Amino acid sequence: MSLKVCDWKHGKSWVYSITYDEGLVDLHRFAIPLHEEFGIPGHVEVVAGHLGAVRQLGQSSYNGFRHMNGEELRDLLRRGWGVGNHSWSHEVITPQMVDRELRQAREVIEEAIQAPVLLYCAPGDNTNMSDHVLAACRQLGYLGAMSLTDGVNRSQAELFWLNRTALHDQFYGPFFSEYDPYRNIRQAQQVGGWIIDYCHCPLEEPVHRNKDCSQAQLRQRFEAVLGEGGEAVWCAAPEEVVSYHLCRRHLQVEVLEENAQRRRYRLGFAGLPPQVPCRQLTLELQVPGAWCHSPSVWVQGAPRPAALVRPGLLRFTVEVEEGMELELRGDQPSPWARRA
């Protein structure tokens, strides 16, 4: 078959996302302006029991900071950000606590933001990625779960154990590694991977060196991602990346016609979770070079532009609907033939 799905949207080589645990209101002052400047969407992990409240949680370094309320979170959604569930209490989740921490917490957040919450993010450490927690996430219809394991996610990653890269000024002992704005970028480029950064609330100085970076260091990170990535990196909220991953995994293609004059395909999904919000896929199609002078693809009988990647290879992004047909025709006259 001449048609294939790109690993990542728009044919990008690798992906970058960033998450902020707790959803503190100071992000509006220190982080969001940088996101707006660089055009990178973000993602906040919300503790449902702390919505709009001043943090008072044990010996937390962020006690005294206020959590965003519903209106402040909705402002992020309007900016293209995402919102995840970071539990109800930020405590270790026992089997007896699963309903409150995963189901009730999600309902409270969804009511506050007036939008679905599709991702769970483990609070504290990977203790909250235990088997009973992840089983409940699947049963409750989450699309993925984010851990605190430092690593790059592959294009075929397990969505219920997504790695996140710590964007911290300094790591805990005994390593004490210093901040590196290029962390994991080279590996993501080499393996075609997905970096998900995480921190809390970058201020002028890190609130806790082992839990956060500074505002200046966040700027360095964005400069490194875009400087190294250029046109090859896809910057997206995690929900969009997970949606793409699932659509790619569940896509079914039926070849209707492949010959010297025409390529026709019928697309659909098999077993795609109904809550997947974004169903766009980027496709590539091998065609004879003579078909590339005015590249376009017909979607449900209507022409759409396609990009010429190189001679004989076209690329296009479409919103996939069940049973939709794609067609490329080789009987279009060349521009110079039409002028003659």
C-alpha atoms as a PDB file:
ATOM      1  CA  MET A   1       0.000   0.000   0.000  1.00  0.00           C
ATOM      2  CA  SER A   2       1.279   3.465  -0.933  1.00  0.00           C
ATOM      3  CA  LEU A   3      -0.457   5.254   1.980  1.00  0.00           C
ATOM      4  CA  LYS A   4       1.138   5.465   5.428  1.00  0.00           C
ATOM      5  CA  VAL A   5       0.525   7.337   8.685  1.00  0.00           C
ATOM      6  CA  CYS A   6       3.287   9.612   9.969  1.00  0.00           C
ATOM      7  CA  ASP A   7       4.584   8.858  13.452  1.00  0.00           C
ATOM      8  CA  TRP A   8       3.791  12.419  14.532  1.00  0.00           C
ATOM      9  CA  LYS A   9       1.425  15.128  13.352  1.00  0.00           C
ATOM     10  CA  HIS A  10       2.493  17.310  10.415  1.00  0.00           C
ATOM     11  CA  GLY A  11       5.305  14.832   9.715  1.00  0.00           C
ATOM     12  CA  LYS A  12       7.381  16.219  12.580  1.00  0.00           C
ATOM     13  CA  SER A  13      10.360  14.181  13.774  1.00  0.00           C
ATOM     14  CA  TRP A  14       9.874  14.540  17.541  1.00  0.00           C
ATOM     15  CA  VAL A  15       7.531  16.094  20.091  1.00  0.00           C
ATOM     16  CA  TYR A  16       7.773  18.466  23.046  1.00  0.00           C
ATOM     17  CA  SER A  17       5.250  19.041  25.852  1.00  0.00           C
ATOM     18  CA  ILE A  18       5.545  20.624  29.287  1.00  0.00           C
ATOM     19  CA  THR A  19       3.470  20.110  32.440  1.00  0.00           C
ATOM     20  CA  TYR A  20       3.183  22.062  35.698  1.00  0.00           C
ATOM     21  CA  ASP A  21       2.212  20.124  38.802  1.00  0.00           C
ATOM     22  CA  GLU A  22      -0.275  21.709  41.265  1.00  0.00           C
ATOM     23  CA  GLY A  23      -1.593  24.457  38.953  1.00  0.00           C
ATOM     24  CA  LEU A  24      -0.387  27.437  40.988  1.00  0.00           C
ATOM     25  CA  VAL A  25      -1.721  30.882  40.105  1.00  0.00           C
ATOM     26  CA  ASP A  26       1.781  32.385  39.872  1.00  0.00           C
ATOM     27  CA  LEU A  27       2.149  30.611  36.522  1.00  0.00           C
ATOM     28  CA  HIS A  28       0.083  33.465  35.084  1.00  0.00           C
ATOM     29  CA  ARG A  29       2.858  35.874  35.997  1.00  0.00           C
ATOM     30  CA  PHE A  30       6.031  33.873  35.460  1.00  0.00           C
ATOM     31  CA  ALA A  31       5.424  31.040  32.961  1.00  0.00           C
ATOM     32  CA  ILE A  32       2.461  31.876  30.749  1.00  0.00           C
ATOM     33  CA  PRO A  33       4.089  35.001  29.235  1.00  0.00           C
ATOM     34  CA  LEU A  34       6.980  32.795  28.067  1.00  0.00           C
ATOM     35  CA  HIS A  35       4.554  30.292  26.568  1.00  0.00           C
ATOM     36  CA  GLU A  36       2.837  33.103  24.694  1.00  0.00           C
ATOM     37  CA  GLU A  37       6.180  34.465  23.484  1.00  0.00           C
ATOM     38  CA  PHE A  38       7.439  31.111  22.177  1.00  0.00           C
ATOM     39  CA  GLY A  39       4.078  29.708  21.037  1.00  0.00           C
ATOM     40  CA  ILE A  40       4.376  26.557  23.151  1.00  0.00           C
ATOM     41  CA  PRO A  41       1.194  25.223  24.814  1.00  0.00           C
ATOM     42  CA  GLY A  42       1.376  24.023  28.405  1.00  0.00           C
ATOM     43  CA  HIS A  43      -0.459  21.666  30.733  1.00  0.00           C
ATOM     44  CA  VAL A  44      -1.365  21.931  34.437  1.00  0.00           C
ATOM     45  CA  GLU A  45      -1.961  19.055  36.855  1.00  0.00           C
ATOM     46  CA  VAL A  46      -4.721  20.070  39.269  1.00  0.00           C
ATOM     47  CA  VAL A  47      -5.275  18.808  42.817  1.00  0.00           C
ATOM     48  CA  ALA A  48      -9.074  18.805  42.995  1.00  0.00           C
ATOM     49  CA  GLY A  49      -9.282  19.252  46.749  1.00  0.00           C
ATOM     50  CA  HIS A  50      -7.155  22.412  46.543  1.00  0.00           C
ATOM     51  CA  LEU A  51      -8.961  24.254  43.727  1.00  0.00           C
ATOM     52  CA  GLY A  52      -8.672  27.995  44.324  1.00  0.00           C
ATOM     53  CA  ALA A  53      -7.242  27.435  47.816  1.00  0.00           C
ATOM     54  CA  VAL A  54      -3.977  28.507  49.422  1.00  0.00           C
ATOM     55  CA  ARG A  55      -1.741  25.460  49.714  1.00  0.00           C
ATOM     56  CA  GLN A  56      -1.273  23.991  53.174  1.00  0.00           C
ATOM     57  CA  LEU A  57      -0.019  20.440  52.774  1.00  0.00           C
ATOM     58  CA  GLY A  58       2.375  19.008  55.338  1.00  0.00           C
ATOM     59  CA  GLN A  59       5.888  20.349  54.748  1.00  0.00           C
ATOM     60  CA  SER A  60       5.307  21.246  51.094  1.00  0.00           C
ATOM     61  CA  SER A  61       7.729  23.791  49.655  1.00  0.00           C
ATOM     62  CA  TYR A  62       4.717  25.468  48.022  1.00  0.00           C
ATOM     63  CA  ASN A  63       2.685  26.102  51.167  1.00  0.00           C
ATOM     64  CA  GLY A  64       1.312  29.636  51.012  1.00  0.00           C
ATOM     65  CA  PHE A  65       0.958  29.594  47.215  1.00  0.00           C
ATOM     66  CA  ARG A  66      -2.575  29.732  45.819  1.00  0.00           C
ATOM     67  CA  HIS A  67      -3.952  27.113  43.442  1.00  0.00           C
ATOM     68  CA  MET A  68      -5.834  28.311  40.365  1.00  0.00           C
ATOM     69  CA  ASN A  69      -9.615  28.452  40.460  1.00  0.00           C
ATOM     70  CA  GLY A  70     -11.990  27.414  37.700  1.00  0.00           C
ATOM     71  CA  GLU A  71     -11.927  30.723  35.821  1.00  0.00           C
ATOM     72  CA  GLU A  72      -8.118  30.841  35.839  1.00  0.00           C
ATOM     73  CA  LEU A  73      -7.978  27.272  34.529  1.00  0.00           C
ATOM     74  CA  ARG A  74     -10.526  28.047  31.817  1.00  0.00           C
ATOM     75  CA  ASP A  75      -8.282  30.909  30.725  1.00  0.00           C
ATOM     76  CA  LEU A  76      -5.541  28.341  30.122  1.00  0.00           C
ATOM     77  CA  LEU A  77      -7.871  26.209  28.012  1.00  0.00           C
ATOM     78  CA  ARG A  78      -8.623  29.245  25.866  1.00  0.00           C
ATOM     79  CA  ARG A  79      -4.869  29.589  25.317  1.00  0.00           C
ATOM     80  CA  GLY A  80      -4.609  26.009  24.025  1.00  0.00           C
ATOM     81  CA  TRP A  81      -3.407  24.421  27.265  1.00  0.00           C
ATOM     82  CA  GLY A  82      -4.596  21.174  28.822  1.00  0.00           C
ATOM     83  CA  VAL A  83      -5.660  20.262  32.354  1.00  0.00           C
ATOM     84  CA  GLY A  84      -5.051  16.923  34.073  1.00  0.00           C
ATOM     85  CA  ASN A  85      -6.101  15.291  37.338  1.00  0.00           C
ATOM     86  CA  HIS A  86      -3.354  15.317  39.973  1.00  0.00           C
ATOM     87  CA  SER A  87      -5.592  13.511  42.519  1.00  0.00           C
ATOM     88  CA  TRP A  88      -7.931  14.850  45.197  1.00  0.00           C
ATOM     89  CA  SER A  89      -5.527  15.068  48.126  1.00  0.00           C
ATOM     90  CA  HIS A  90      -1.948  14.685  46.822  1.00  0.00           C
ATOM     91  CA  GLU A  91      -1.513  11.734  49.198  1.00  0.00           C
ATOM     92  CA  VAL A  92      -0.541   8.107  48.604  1.00  0.00           C
ATOM     93  CA  ILE A  93      -3.580   6.532  46.919  1.00  0.00           C
ATOM     94  CA  THR A  94      -4.638   3.280  48.575  1.00  0.00           C
ATOM     95  CA  PRO A  95      -7.189   0.952  46.948  1.00  0.00           C
ATOM     96  CA  GLN A  96      -9.838   2.375  49.286  1.00  0.00           C
ATOM     97  CA  MET A  97      -9.110   5.937  48.078  1.00  0.00           C
ATOM     98  CA  VAL A  98      -9.296   5.288  44.337  1.00  0.00           C
ATOM     99  CA  ASP A  99     -12.876   6.486  43.854  1.00  0.00           C
ATOM    100  CA  ARG A 100     -12.278   9.850  45.513  1.00  0.00           C
ATOM    101  CA  GLU A 101      -8.809  10.452  44.060  1.00  0.00           C
ATOM    102  CA  LEU A 102      -9.593   9.447  40.471  1.00  0.00           C
ATOM    103  CA  ARG A 103     -13.344   9.581  39.834  1.00  0.00           C
ATOM    104  CA  GLN A 104     -14.613  12.278  42.194  1.00  0.00           C
ATOM    105  CA  ALA A 105     -11.548  14.461  41.685  1.00  0.00           C
ATOM    106  CA  ARG A 106     -11.978  14.343  37.926  1.00  0.00           C
ATOM    107  CA  GLU A 107     -15.659  15.268  38.200  1.00  0.00           C
ATOM    108  CA  VAL A 108     -14.828  18.298  40.351  1.00  0.00           C
ATOM    109  CA  ILE A 109     -12.153  19.498  37.924  1.00  0.00           C
ATOM    110  CA  GLU A 110     -14.399  18.933  34.908  1.00  0.00           C
ATOM    111  CA  GLU A 111     -17.154  20.960  36.549  1.00  0.00           C
ATOM    112  CA  ALA A 112     -14.676  23.766  37.253  1.00  0.00           C
ATOM    113  CA  ILE A 113     -13.243  23.936  33.741  1.00  0.00           C
ATOM    114  CA  GLN A 114     -16.387  22.872  31.826  1.00  0.00           C
ATOM    115  CA  ALA A 115     -14.337  20.431  29.771  1.00  0.00           C
ATOM    116  CA  PRO A 116     -13.334  16.756  29.956  1.00  0.00           C
ATOM    117  CA  VAL A 117     -10.233  15.679  31.884  1.00  0.00           C
ATOM    118  CA  LEU A 118      -8.499  12.892  29.978  1.00  0.00           C
ATOM    119  CA  LEU A 119      -5.120  12.431  31.700  1.00  0.00           C
ATOM    120  CA  TYR A 120      -4.038  11.425  35.192  1.00  0.00           C
ATOM    121  CA  CYS A 121      -0.740  12.639  36.613  1.00  0.00           C
ATOM    122  CA  ALA A 122       0.746  10.866  39.628  1.00  0.00           C
ATOM    123  CA  PRO A 123       1.203  13.111  42.696  1.00  0.00           C
ATOM    124  CA  GLY A 124       4.229  12.708  44.941  1.00  0.00           C
ATOM    125  CA  ASP A 125       6.136   9.883  43.278  1.00  0.00           C
ATOM    126  CA  ASN A 126       5.621   6.684  41.314  1.00  0.00           C
ATOM    127  CA  THR A 127       3.971   5.042  44.315  1.00  0.00           C
ATOM    128  CA  ASN A 128       0.850   6.592  42.826  1.00  0.00           C
ATOM    129  CA  MET A 129       1.462   4.692  39.578  1.00  0.00           C
ATOM    130  CA  SER A 130       0.769   1.379  41.318  1.00  0.00           C
ATOM    131  CA  ASP A 131      -1.244  -1.378  39.663  1.00  0.00           C
ATOM    132  CA  HIS A 132      -4.535  -0.580  41.404  1.00  0.00           C
ATOM    133  CA  VAL A 133      -4.257   3.105  40.437  1.00  0.00           C
ATOM    134  CA  LEU A 134      -3.533   2.414  36.771  1.00  0.00           C
ATOM    135  CA  ALA A 135      -6.250  -0.245  36.594  1.00  0.00           C
ATOM    136  CA  ALA A 136      -8.737   2.321  37.902  1.00  0.00           C
ATOM    137  CA  CYS A 137      -7.509   4.893  35.371  1.00  0.00           C
ATOM    138  CA  ARG A 138      -8.245   2.488  32.540  1.00  0.00           C
ATOM    139  CA  GLN A 139     -11.627   1.512  33.964  1.00  0.00           C
ATOM    140  CA  LEU A 140     -12.645   5.156  34.415  1.00  0.00           C
ATOM    141  CA  GLY A 141     -11.813   6.057  30.823  1.00  0.00           C
ATOM    142  CA  TYR A 142      -8.652   8.097  31.202  1.00  0.00           C
ATOM    143  CA  LEU A 143      -6.567   8.083  28.027  1.00  0.00           C
ATOM    144  CA  GLY A 144      -3.177   8.000  29.751  1.00  0.00           C
ATOM    145  CA  ALA A 145      -1.197   8.423  32.955  1.00  0.00           C
ATOM    146  CA  MET A 146       1.958  10.467  33.543  1.00  0.00           C
ATOM    147  CA  SER A 147       4.705   9.276  35.881  1.00  0.00           C
ATOM    148  CA  LEU A 148       7.819  10.814  37.404  1.00  0.00           C
ATOM    149  CA  THR A 149      10.197   8.542  35.490  1.00  0.00           C
ATOM    150  CA  ASP A 150      12.791  10.601  33.632  1.00  0.00           C
ATOM    151  CA  GLY A 151      12.932   9.465  30.037  1.00  0.00           C
ATOM    152  CA  VAL A 152      11.870  10.021  26.435  1.00  0.00           C
ATOM    153  CA  ASN A 153       8.612   8.455  25.243  1.00  0.00           C
ATOM    154  CA  ARG A 154       8.700   6.564  21.932  1.00  0.00           C
ATOM    155  CA  SER A 155       6.048   6.885  19.239  1.00  0.00           C
ATOM    156  CA  GLN A 156       4.623   3.507  20.333  1.00  0.00           C
ATOM    157  CA  ALA A 157       4.815   4.326  24.059  1.00  0.00           C
ATOM    158  CA  GLU A 158       2.650   2.753  26.755  1.00  0.00           C
ATOM    159  CA  LEU A 159       0.177   5.559  27.424  1.00  0.00           C
ATOM    160  CA  PHE A 160      -0.448   4.485  31.009  1.00  0.00           C
ATOM    161  CA  TRP A 161       3.173   5.049  31.946  1.00  0.00           C
ATOM    162  CA  LEU A 162       4.305   8.220  30.240  1.00  0.00           C
ATOM    163  CA  ASN A 163       7.760   9.425  31.245  1.00  0.00           C
ATOM    164  CA  ARG A 164       8.383  13.034  32.250  1.00  0.00           C
ATOM    165  CA  THR A 165      11.677  14.933  32.240  1.00  0.00           C
ATOM    166  CA  ALA A 166      12.390  16.820  35.461  1.00  0.00           C
ATOM    167  CA  LEU A 167      12.978  20.487  34.665  1.00  0.00           C
ATOM    168  CA  HIS A 168      14.759  21.184  37.946  1.00  0.00           C
ATOM    169  CA  ASP A 169      17.603  23.473  38.949  1.00  0.00           C
ATOM    170  CA  GLN A 170      19.418  20.582  40.627  1.00  0.00           C
ATOM    171  CA  PHE A 171      18.675  16.893  41.149  1.00  0.00           C
ATOM    172  CA  TYR A 172      18.505  15.273  44.567  1.00  0.00           C
ATOM    173  CA  GLY A 173      21.639  13.723  46.052  1.00  0.00           C
ATOM    174  CA  PRO A 174      23.760  11.755  45.687  1.00  0.00           C
ATOM    175  CA  PHE A 175      23.874  12.984  42.060  1.00  0.00           C
ATOM    176  CA  PHE A 176      23.251  16.747  42.336  1.00  0.00           C
ATOM    177  CA  SER A 177      23.335  17.192  38.572  1.00  0.00           C
ATOM    178  CA  GLU A 178      22.978  20.815  37.500  1.00  0.00           C
ATOM    179  CA  TYR A 179      20.294  22.254  35.238  1.00  0.00           C
ATOM    180  CA  ASP A 180      20.683  21.309  31.575  1.00  0.00           C
ATOM    181  CA  PRO A 181      18.408  23.127  29.083  1.00  0.00           C
ATOM    182  CA  TYR A 182      19.271  20.479  26.452  1.00  0.00           C
ATOM    183  CA  ARG A 183      18.281  17.507  28.596  1.00  0.00           C
ATOM    184  CA  ASN A 184      16.939  14.562  26.528  1.00  0.00           C
ATOM    185  CA  ILE A 185      16.687  16.624  23.324  1.00  0.00           C
ATOM    186  CA  ARG A 186      19.379  14.711  21.441  1.00  0.00           C
ATOM    187  CA  GLN A 187      17.822  11.379  22.365  1.00  0.00           C
ATOM    188  CA  ALA A 188      14.354  12.572  21.318  1.00  0.00           C
ATOM    189  CA  GLN A 189      15.786  13.599  17.954  1.00  0.00           C
ATOM    190  CA  GLN A 190      17.567  10.283  17.462  1.00  0.00           C
ATOM    191  CA  VAL A 191      14.646   7.998  18.365  1.00  0.00           C
ATOM    192  CA  GLY A 192      11.801  10.211  17.134  1.00  0.00           C
ATOM    193  CA  GLY A 193      10.547  10.527  20.692  1.00  0.00           C
ATOM    194  CA  TRP A 194       8.319  12.669  22.876  1.00  0.00           C
ATOM    195  CA  ILE A 195       9.661  14.778  25.743  1.00  0.00           C
ATOM    196  CA  ILE A 196       7.230  15.735  28.509  1.00  0.00           C
ATOM    197  CA  ASP A 197       8.907  18.213  30.856  1.00  0.00           C
ATOM    198  CA  TYR A 198       7.609  18.822  34.353  1.00  0.00           C
ATOM    199  CA  CYS A 199       8.171  21.402  37.041  1.00  0.00           C
ATOM    200  CA  HIS A 200       5.934  23.351  39.417  1.00  0.00           C
ATOM    201  CA  CYS A 201       6.096  27.130  39.202  1.00  0.00           C
ATOM    202  CA  PRO A 202       9.256  28.821  37.886  1.00  0.00           C
ATOM    203  CA  LEU A 203       9.837  32.101  39.737  1.00  0.00           C
ATOM    204  CA  GLU A 204      12.834  34.464  39.632  1.00  0.00           C
ATOM    205  CA  GLU A 205      14.569  31.878  41.838  1.00  0.00           C
ATOM    206  CA  PRO A 206      13.483  28.241  42.241  1.00  0.00           C
ATOM    207  CA  VAL A 207      11.237  27.686  45.254  1.00  0.00           C
ATOM    208  CA  HIS A 208      13.056  24.379  45.815  1.00  0.00           C
ATOM    209  CA  ARG A 209      16.174  23.547  43.790  1.00  0.00           C
ATOM    210  CA  ASN A 210      15.212  19.859  43.550  1.00  0.00           C
ATOM    211  CA  LYS A 211      11.620  20.534  42.460  1.00  0.00           C
ATOM    212  CA  ASP A 212      11.706  23.515  40.131  1.00  0.00           C
ATOM    213  CA  CYS A 213      13.649  25.726  37.775  1.00  0.00           C
ATOM    214  CA  SER A 214      13.754  29.504  37.534  1.00  0.00           C
ATOM    215  CA  GLN A 215      11.945  31.670  35.013  1.00  0.00           C
ATOM    216  CA  ALA A 216      15.262  32.340  33.260  1.00  0.00           C
ATOM    217  CA  GLN A 217      15.956  28.597  33.055  1.00  0.00           C
ATOM    218  CA  LEU A 218      12.508  27.995  31.572  1.00  0.00           C
ATOM    219  CA  ARG A 219      13.349  30.533  28.868  1.00  0.00           C
ATOM    220  CA  GLN A 220      16.622  28.693  28.204  1.00  0.00           C
ATOM    221  CA  ARG A 221      14.700  25.435  27.829  1.00  0.00           C
ATOM    222  CA  PHE A 222      12.256  26.877  25.305  1.00  0.00           C
ATOM    223  CA  GLU A 223      15.128  28.435  23.357  1.00  0.00           C
ATOM    224  CA  ALA A 224      16.914  25.065  23.302  1.00  0.00           C
ATOM    225  CA  VAL A 225      13.806  23.138  22.186  1.00  0.00           C
ATOM    226  CA  LEU A 226      13.013  25.514  19.330  1.00  0.00           C
ATOM    227  CA  GLY A 227      16.644  26.234  18.464  1.00  0.00           C
ATOM    228  CA  GLU A 228      17.550  22.557  18.213  1.00  0.00           C
ATOM    229  CA  GLY A 229      14.174  21.393  16.947  1.00  0.00           C
ATOM    230  CA  GLY A 230      13.491  24.029  14.314  1.00  0.00           C
ATOM    231  CA  GLU A 231      10.795  22.842  11.929  1.00  0.00           C
ATOM    232  CA  ALA A 232      11.262  19.219  13.041  1.00  0.00           C
ATOM    233  CA  VAL A 233       9.662  19.532  16.507  1.00  0.00           C
ATOM    234  CA  TRP A 234       5.936  19.408  17.213  1.00  0.00           C
ATOM    235  CA  CYS A 235       5.071  21.418  20.346  1.00  0.00           C
ATOM    236  CA  ALA A 236       1.703  20.268  21.659  1.00  0.00           C
ATOM    237  CA  ALA A 237      -0.391  19.735  24.778  1.00  0.00           C
ATOM    238  CA  PRO A 238      -0.263  16.108  25.978  1.00  0.00           C
ATOM    239  CA  GLU A 239      -3.950  15.501  25.163  1.00  0.00           C
ATOM    240  CA  GLU A 240      -3.322  16.252  21.488  1.00  0.00           C
ATOM    241  CA  VAL A 241      -0.299  13.955  21.357  1.00  0.00           C
ATOM    242  CA  VAL A 242      -2.140  11.116  23.106  1.00  0.00           C
ATOM    243  CA  SER A 243      -5.083  11.589  20.727  1.00  0.00           C
ATOM    244  CA  TYR A 244      -2.758  11.332  17.728  1.00  0.00           C
ATOM    245  CA  HIS A 245      -1.109   8.237  19.192  1.00  0.00           C
ATOM    246  CA  LEU A 246      -4.474   6.513  19.685  1.00  0.00           C
ATOM    247  CA  CYS A 247      -5.831   7.497  16.273  1.00  0.00           C
ATOM    248  CA  ARG A 248      -2.695   6.180  14.603  1.00  0.00           C
ATOM    249  CA  ARG A 249      -2.928   2.931  16.557  1.00  0.00           C
ATOM    250  CA  HIS A 250      -6.608   2.316  15.788  1.00  0.00           C
ATOM    251  CA  LEU A 251      -6.713   3.502  12.173  1.00  0.00           C
ATOM    252  CA  GLN A 252      -7.907   1.043   9.541  1.00  0.00           C
ATOM    253  CA  VAL A 253      -7.255   1.635   5.840  1.00  0.00           C
ATOM    254  CA  GLU A 254      -9.095  -0.183   3.070  1.00  0.00           C
ATOM    255  CA  VAL A 255      -7.504   0.023  -0.366  1.00  0.00           C
ATOM    256  CA  LEU A 256     -10.245   0.707  -2.899  1.00  0.00           C
ATOM    257  CA  GLU A 257      -8.055   1.335  -5.922  1.00  0.00           C
ATOM    258  CA  GLU A 258      -4.318   1.589  -6.613  1.00  0.00           C
ATOM    259  CA  ASN A 259      -3.297   1.838 -10.250  1.00  0.00           C
ATOM    260  CA  ALA A 260      -1.554   4.106 -12.731  1.00  0.00           C
ATOM    261  CA  GLN A 261      -4.493   6.516 -12.891  1.00  0.00           C
ATOM    262  CA  ARG A 262      -5.895   6.642  -9.375  1.00  0.00           C
ATOM    263  CA  ARG A 263      -5.348   5.917  -5.671  1.00  0.00           C
ATOM    264  CA  ARG A 264      -8.459   5.509  -3.497  1.00  0.00           C
ATOM    265  CA  TYR A 265      -8.732   4.541   0.167  1.00  0.00           C
ATOM    266  CA  ARG A 266     -11.444   4.277   2.812  1.00  0.00           C
ATOM    267  CA  LEU A 267     -10.479   5.231   6.380  1.00  0.00           C
ATOM    268  CA  GLY A 268     -12.019   4.348   9.713  1.00  0.00           C
ATOM    269  CA  PHE A 269     -11.183   3.373  13.272  1.00  0.00           C
ATOM    270  CA  ALA A 270     -11.391   0.025  15.037  1.00  0.00           C
ATOM    271  CA  GLY A 271     -11.773   0.230  18.807  1.00  0.00           C
ATOM    272  CA  LEU A 272     -10.887   3.915  19.171  1.00  0.00           C
ATOM    273  CA  PRO A 273     -12.028   5.181  22.603  1.00  0.00           C
ATOM    274  CA  PRO A 274     -15.005   7.494  22.003  1.00  0.00           C
ATOM    275  CA  GLN A 275     -13.597  10.171  24.323  1.00  0.00           C
ATOM    276  CA  VAL A 276     -10.602  10.846  22.036  1.00  0.00           C
ATOM    277  CA  PRO A 277     -11.095  14.571  21.287  1.00  0.00           C
ATOM    278  CA  CYS A 278      -8.850  15.156  18.278  1.00  0.00           C
ATOM    279  CA  ARG A 279      -8.947  12.795  15.297  1.00  0.00           C
ATOM    280  CA  GLN A 280      -6.532  14.416  12.894  1.00  0.00           C
ATOM    281  CA  LEU A 281      -3.840  12.304  11.271  1.00  0.00           C
ATOM    282  CA  THR A 282      -0.981  13.199   8.969  1.00  0.00           C
ATOM    283  CA  LEU A 283      -0.671  10.839   6.023  1.00  0.00           C
ATOM    284  CA  GLU A 284       1.970  10.347   3.349  1.00  0.00           C
ATOM    285  CA  LEU A 285       1.316   8.933  -0.097  1.00  0.00           C
ATOM    286  CA  GLN A 286       3.812   7.617  -2.638  1.00  0.00           C
ATOM    287  CA  VAL A 287       2.769   8.656  -6.161  1.00  0.00           C
ATOM    288  CA  PRO A 288       4.355   8.914  -9.611  1.00  0.00           C
ATOM    289  CA  GLY A 289       6.389  12.075 -10.043  1.00  0.00           C
ATOM    290  CA  ALA A 290       4.071  13.293 -12.794  1.00  0.00           C
ATOM    291  CA  TRP A 291       1.269  13.619 -10.209  1.00  0.00           C
ATOM    292  CA  CYS A 292       3.192  16.164  -8.137  1.00  0.00           C
ATOM    293  CA  HIS A 293       3.038  19.328 -10.245  1.00  0.00           C
ATOM    294  CA  SER A 294      -0.180  20.508  -8.493  1.00  0.00           C
ATOM    295  CA  PRO A 295      -0.355  18.290  -5.401  1.00  0.00           C
ATOM    296  CA  SER A 296      -3.821  17.826  -3.960  1.00  0.00           C
ATOM    297  CA  VAL A 297      -5.878  15.040  -2.447  1.00  0.00           C
ATOM    298  CA  TRP A 298      -9.641  14.592  -2.697  1.00  0.00           C
ATOM    299  CA  VAL A 299     -11.363  14.044   0.664  1.00  0.00           C
ATOM    300  CA  GLN A 300     -14.996  12.964   0.415  1.00  0.00           C
ATOM    301  CA  GLY A 301     -15.067  14.376  -3.107  1.00  0.00           C
ATOM    302  CA  ALA A 302     -13.603  17.785  -2.207  1.00  0.00           C
ATOM    303  CA  PRO A 303     -10.030  18.819  -3.105  1.00  0.00           C
ATOM    304  CA  ARG A 304      -7.538  19.557  -0.319  1.00  0.00           C
ATOM    305  CA  PRO A 305      -3.973  20.828  -0.753  1.00  0.00           C
ATOM    306  CA  ALA A 306      -1.103  18.429  -0.130  1.00  0.00           C
ATOM    307  CA  ALA A 307       2.551  19.262   0.529  1.00  0.00           C
ATOM    308  CA  LEU A 308       5.252  17.927  -1.753  1.00  0.00           C
ATOM    309  CA  VAL A 309       7.814  16.455   0.660  1.00  0.00           C
ATOM    310  CA  ARG A 310      10.125  15.276  -2.121  1.00  0.00           C
ATOM    311  CA  PRO A 311       9.590  13.977  -5.661  1.00  0.00           C
ATOM    312  CA  GLY A 312       6.942  11.297  -5.530  1.00  0.00           C
ATOM    313  CA  LEU A 313       5.924  11.827  -1.874  1.00  0.00           C
ATOM    314  CA  LEU A 314       2.913  13.892  -0.784  1.00  0.00           C
ATOM    315  CA  ARG A 315       1.901  14.733   2.794  1.00  0.00           C
ATOM    316  CA  PHE A 316      -1.411  16.016   4.137  1.00  0.00           C
ATOM    317  CA  THR A 317      -3.298  16.234   7.438  1.00  0.00           C
ATOM    318  CA  VAL A 318      -6.988  15.322   7.622  1.00  0.00           C
ATOM    319  CA  GLU A 319      -9.727  15.025  10.228  1.00  0.00           C
ATOM    320  CA  VAL A 320     -10.568  11.336   9.978  1.00  0.00           C
ATOM    321  CA  GLU A 321     -14.256  10.432   9.952  1.00  0.00           C
ATOM    322  CA  GLU A 322     -15.622   6.908   9.899  1.00  0.00           C
ATOM    323  CA  GLY A 323     -15.872   5.645   6.319  1.00  0.00           C
ATOM    324  CA  MET A 324     -14.316   8.712   4.716  1.00  0.00           C
ATOM    325  CA  GLU A 325     -12.698   8.270   1.306  1.00  0.00           C
ATOM    326  CA  LEU A 326      -9.400   9.696   0.066  1.00  0.00           C
ATOM    327  CA  GLU A 327      -8.556   9.888  -3.603  1.00  0.00           C
ATOM    328  CA  LEU A 328      -5.603  11.050  -5.647  1.00  0.00           C
ATOM    329  CA  ARG A 329      -5.932  11.297  -9.411  1.00  0.00           C
ATOM    330  CA  GLY A 330      -3.215  11.035 -12.000  1.00  0.00           C
ATOM    331  CA  ASP A 331      -5.280  12.377 -14.858  1.00  0.00           C
ATOM    332  CA  GLN A 332      -4.819  16.084 -14.097  1.00  0.00           C
ATOM    333  CA  PRO A 333      -3.099  17.937 -16.980  1.00  0.00           C
ATOM    334  CA  SER A 334       0.141  19.736 -16.174  1.00  0.00           C
ATOM    335  CA  PRO A 335      -0.003  23.551 -15.895  1.00  0.00           C
ATOM    336  CA  TRP A 336       2.029  24.049 -19.084  1.00  0.00           C
ATOM    337  CA  ALA A 337      -0.203  21.606 -20.973  1.00  0.00           C
ATOM    338  CA  ARG A 338      -3.273  23.611 -19.930  1.00  0.00           C
ATOM    339  CA  ARG A 339      -1.684  26.860 -21.124  1.00  0.00           C
ATOM    340  CA  ALA A 340      -0.868  25.288 -24.467  1.00  0.00           C
END
